């Protein structure tokens, strides 16, 4: 089965000062962790926030090389905001 390349940016706004989170985010994280799309692993784009915590801010899936596409996405993000720290972490 062939999957169309899809990049899903998730506005997972996690407040740095308290535990307020987007409704349903835990269910999304659980769904992604158990449901690989395509043959390879999917990857989260994570960004370090002002509290030095890593936030999941995007999900890369459906590509032949999801990790490579995640790194390309980070390169684009760094080109407009070089001071931010980003990383790719395996989602499933």
Foldseek 3Di string as FASTA:
>chain_A
DAFDWDKFWDQFDADPPDGDTDPPPVVVLVVLLPDAAPDDFKKFKWWQDPNRDTDGGIIGHRDPDRQVVSVVVVVVVCVVPVVIDIDIDTSD
